[in-house]
């Protein structure tokens, strides 16, 4: 029986490990024939709040109305003015409904707005 052996002086070629590819995450990848769009400016909370308020001003108005009726109604309840407290709780529910309708109308208007 013959077995295949390699001569002692001749080694098998070894694989050479290539250096790991380092990605620069701050830069877009370089792809031939492709130019990426510039990154949008990061928007902080204040800028986003102002933009959203300009898009649909009725939502913050409804939120403020809801909070105002709730706070005033609770203070009237605490003072023992039950009739005024009940009226203000009804006003709070009306303000909440107004806010929900404003949100729905804003979402519908955004959905129907043509894409730029």
C-alpha atoms as a PDB file:
ATOM      1  CA  UNK A   1       0.000   0.000   0.000  1.00  0.00           C
ATOM      2  CA  UNK A   2       1.344   3.350  -0.994  1.00  0.00           C
ATOM      3  CA  UNK A   3       0.745   6.427   1.055  1.00  0.00           C
ATOM      4  CA  UNK A   4       1.156   9.910  -0.231  1.00  0.00           C
ATOM      5  CA  UNK A   5       3.612  11.909   1.779  1.00  0.00           C
ATOM      6  CA  UNK A   6       5.106  15.258   1.200  1.00  0.00           C
ATOM      7  CA  UNK A   7       8.825  15.672   1.323  1.00  0.00           C
ATOM      8  CA  UNK A   8      10.124  17.215   4.504  1.00  0.00           C
ATOM      9  CA  UNK A   9      11.694  20.214   2.783  1.00  0.00           C
ATOM     10  CA  UNK A  10       8.567  21.340   0.917  1.00  0.00           C
ATOM     11  CA  UNK A  11       5.875  22.922   3.066  1.00  0.00           C
ATOM     12  CA  UNK A  12       2.331  23.604   1.980  1.00  0.00           C
ATOM     13  CA  UNK A  13       1.705  27.277   1.186  1.00  0.00           C
ATOM     14  CA  UNK A  14       0.150  28.917   4.224  1.00  0.00           C
ATOM     15  CA  UNK A  15      -2.682  31.416   4.110  1.00  0.00           C
ATOM     16  CA  UNK A  16      -1.607  34.962   4.795  1.00  0.00           C
ATOM     17  CA  UNK A  17      -4.105  36.803   7.001  1.00  0.00           C
ATOM     18  CA  UNK A  18      -5.049  40.122   5.448  1.00  0.00           C
ATOM     19  CA  UNK A  19      -5.255  43.105   7.786  1.00  0.00           C
ATOM     20  CA  UNK A  20      -8.793  43.816   9.047  1.00  0.00           C
ATOM     21  CA  UNK A  21     -10.735  46.405   7.097  1.00  0.00           C
ATOM     22  CA  UNK A  22     -11.271  49.521   9.153  1.00  0.00           C
ATOM     23  CA  UNK A  23     -14.530  51.385   8.524  1.00  0.00           C
ATOM     24  CA  UNK A  24     -14.837  55.088   9.148  1.00  0.00           C
ATOM     25  CA  UNK A  25     -18.404  55.411  10.412  1.00  0.00           C
ATOM     26  CA  UNK A  26     -18.328  59.206  10.218  1.00  0.00           C
ATOM     27  CA  UNK A  27     -17.968  59.058   6.423  1.00  0.00           C
ATOM     28  CA  UNK A  28     -20.284  57.358   3.910  1.00  0.00           C
ATOM     29  CA  UNK A  29     -18.871  54.336   2.097  1.00  0.00           C
ATOM     30  CA  UNK A  30     -17.091  54.988  -1.171  1.00  0.00           C
ATOM     31  CA  UNK A  31     -19.012  53.326  -3.994  1.00  0.00           C
ATOM     32  CA  UNK A  32     -18.071  53.931  -7.586  1.00  0.00           C
ATOM     33  CA  UNK A  33     -20.735  55.916  -9.467  1.00  0.00           C
ATOM     34  CA  UNK A  34     -22.698  56.759  -6.297  1.00  0.00           C
ATOM     35  CA  UNK A  35     -22.820  60.119  -4.563  1.00  0.00           C
ATOM     36  CA  UNK A  36     -24.736  60.114  -1.261  1.00  0.00           C
ATOM     37  CA  UNK A  37     -27.025  62.932  -0.220  1.00  0.00           C
ATOM     38  CA  UNK A  38     -25.698  65.219   2.492  1.00  0.00           C
ATOM     39  CA  UNK A  39     -26.797  64.305   5.992  1.00  0.00           C
ATOM     40  CA  UNK A  40     -29.672  66.256   7.418  1.00  0.00           C
ATOM     41  CA  UNK A  41     -28.937  68.575  10.297  1.00  0.00           C
ATOM     42  CA  UNK A  42     -29.616  67.030  13.697  1.00  0.00           C
ATOM     43  CA  UNK A  43     -32.773  68.500  15.197  1.00  0.00           C
ATOM     44  CA  UNK A  44     -32.941  69.087  18.935  1.00  0.00           C
ATOM     45  CA  UNK A  45     -36.131  68.970  21.026  1.00  0.00           C
ATOM     46  CA  UNK A  46     -36.825  72.715  20.881  1.00  0.00           C
ATOM     47  CA  UNK A  47     -36.467  72.903  17.088  1.00  0.00           C
ATOM     48  CA  UNK A  48     -38.670  69.835  16.587  1.00  0.00           C
ATOM     49  CA  UNK A  49     -41.316  71.186  18.983  1.00  0.00           C
ATOM     50  CA  UNK A  50     -41.431  74.522  17.142  1.00  0.00           C
ATOM     51  CA  UNK A  51     -41.632  72.798  13.746  1.00  0.00           C
ATOM     52  CA  UNK A  52     -44.438  70.466  14.852  1.00  0.00           C
ATOM     53  CA  UNK A  53     -46.332  73.369  16.467  1.00  0.00           C
ATOM     54  CA  UNK A  54     -46.152  75.326  13.216  1.00  0.00           C
ATOM     55  CA  UNK A  55     -47.407  72.283  11.281  1.00  0.00           C
ATOM     56  CA  UNK A  56     -50.412  71.743  13.550  1.00  0.00           C
ATOM     57  CA  UNK A  57     -50.956  74.529  16.130  1.00  0.00           C
ATOM     58  CA  UNK A  58     -54.231  73.097  17.438  1.00  0.00           C
ATOM     59  CA  UNK A  59     -52.593  70.147  19.228  1.00  0.00           C
ATOM     60  CA  UNK A  60     -50.626  72.259  21.739  1.00  0.00           C
ATOM     61  CA  UNK A  61     -53.662  74.516  22.197  1.00  0.00           C
ATOM     62  CA  UNK A  62     -55.793  71.464  23.024  1.00  0.00           C
ATOM     63  CA  UNK A  63     -53.121  70.108  25.379  1.00  0.00           C
ATOM     64  CA  UNK A  64     -52.897  73.407  27.231  1.00  0.00           C
ATOM     65  CA  UNK A  65     -56.703  73.597  27.425  1.00  0.00           C
ATOM     66  CA  UNK A  66     -56.866  70.057  28.807  1.00  0.00           C
ATOM     67  CA  UNK A  67     -54.177  70.717  31.408  1.00  0.00           C
ATOM     68  CA  UNK A  68     -55.727  74.049  32.397  1.00  0.00           C
ATOM     69  CA  UNK A  69     -59.220  72.607  32.843  1.00  0.00           C
ATOM     70  CA  UNK A  70     -57.818  69.676  34.827  1.00  0.00           C
ATOM     71  CA  UNK A  71     -55.753  71.816  37.184  1.00  0.00           C
ATOM     72  CA  UNK A  72     -58.504  74.392  37.692  1.00  0.00           C
ATOM     73  CA  UNK A  73     -61.118  71.659  38.146  1.00  0.00           C
ATOM     74  CA  UNK A  74     -59.026  69.839  40.745  1.00  0.00           C
ATOM     75  CA  UNK A  75     -58.452  73.050  42.660  1.00  0.00           C
ATOM     76  CA  UNK A  76     -62.208  73.784  42.586  1.00  0.00           C
ATOM     77  CA  UNK A  77     -62.873  70.246  43.847  1.00  0.00           C
ATOM     78  CA  UNK A  78     -60.385  70.752  46.655  1.00  0.00           C
ATOM     79  CA  UNK A  79     -62.130  73.987  47.710  1.00  0.00           C
ATOM     80  CA  UNK A  80     -65.464  72.153  47.794  1.00  0.00           C
ATOM     81  CA  UNK A  81     -67.037  73.766  44.717  1.00  0.00           C
ATOM     82  CA  UNK A  82     -68.499  70.562  43.317  1.00  0.00           C
ATOM     83  CA  UNK A  83     -70.669  72.192  40.640  1.00  0.00           C
ATOM     84  CA  UNK A  84     -67.745  74.170  39.199  1.00  0.00           C
ATOM     85  CA  UNK A  85     -65.517  71.103  39.452  1.00  0.00           C
ATOM     86  CA  UNK A  86     -68.002  69.001  37.453  1.00  0.00           C
ATOM     87  CA  UNK A  87     -68.260  71.681  34.750  1.00  0.00           C
ATOM     88  CA  UNK A  88     -64.480  71.887  34.482  1.00  0.00           C
ATOM     89  CA  UNK A  89     -64.156  68.091  34.210  1.00  0.00           C
ATOM     90  CA  UNK A  90     -66.623  68.224  31.320  1.00  0.00           C
ATOM     91  CA  UNK A  91     -64.557  71.020  29.781  1.00  0.00           C
ATOM     92  CA  UNK A  92     -61.476  68.822  30.189  1.00  0.00           C
ATOM     93  CA  UNK A  93     -63.167  66.009  28.270  1.00  0.00           C
ATOM     94  CA  UNK A  94     -64.158  68.466  25.546  1.00  0.00           C
ATOM     95  CA  UNK A  95     -60.555  69.740  25.346  1.00  0.00           C
ATOM     96  CA  UNK A  96     -59.246  66.166  25.144  1.00  0.00           C
ATOM     97  CA  UNK A  97     -61.653  65.422  22.299  1.00  0.00           C
ATOM     98  CA  UNK A  98     -60.557  68.615  20.541  1.00  0.00           C
ATOM     99  CA  UNK A  99     -56.909  67.503  20.875  1.00  0.00           C
ATOM    100  CA  UNK A 100     -57.622  64.030  19.489  1.00  0.00           C
ATOM    101  CA  UNK A 101     -59.508  65.493  16.520  1.00  0.00           C
ATOM    102  CA  UNK A 102     -56.641  67.941  15.905  1.00  0.00           C
ATOM    103  CA  UNK A 103     -54.141  65.058  15.888  1.00  0.00           C
ATOM    104  CA  UNK A 104     -56.270  63.043  13.442  1.00  0.00           C
ATOM    105  CA  UNK A 105     -56.740  66.032  11.135  1.00  0.00           C
ATOM    106  CA  UNK A 106     -52.987  66.746  11.276  1.00  0.00           C
ATOM    107  CA  UNK A 107     -52.109  63.154  10.405  1.00  0.00           C
ATOM    108  CA  UNK A 108     -54.617  63.160   7.531  1.00  0.00           C
ATOM    109  CA  UNK A 109     -53.297  66.477   6.206  1.00  0.00           C
ATOM    110  CA  UNK A 110     -49.730  65.174   6.347  1.00  0.00           C
ATOM    111  CA  UNK A 111     -50.717  61.970   4.552  1.00  0.00           C
ATOM    112  CA  UNK A 112     -52.515  63.897   1.795  1.00  0.00           C
ATOM    113  CA  UNK A 113     -49.720  66.438   1.323  1.00  0.00           C
ATOM    114  CA  UNK A 114     -47.809  65.777  -1.918  1.00  0.00           C
ATOM    115  CA  UNK A 115     -44.255  64.498  -1.495  1.00  0.00           C
ATOM    116  CA  UNK A 116     -41.538  66.978  -2.364  1.00  0.00           C
END
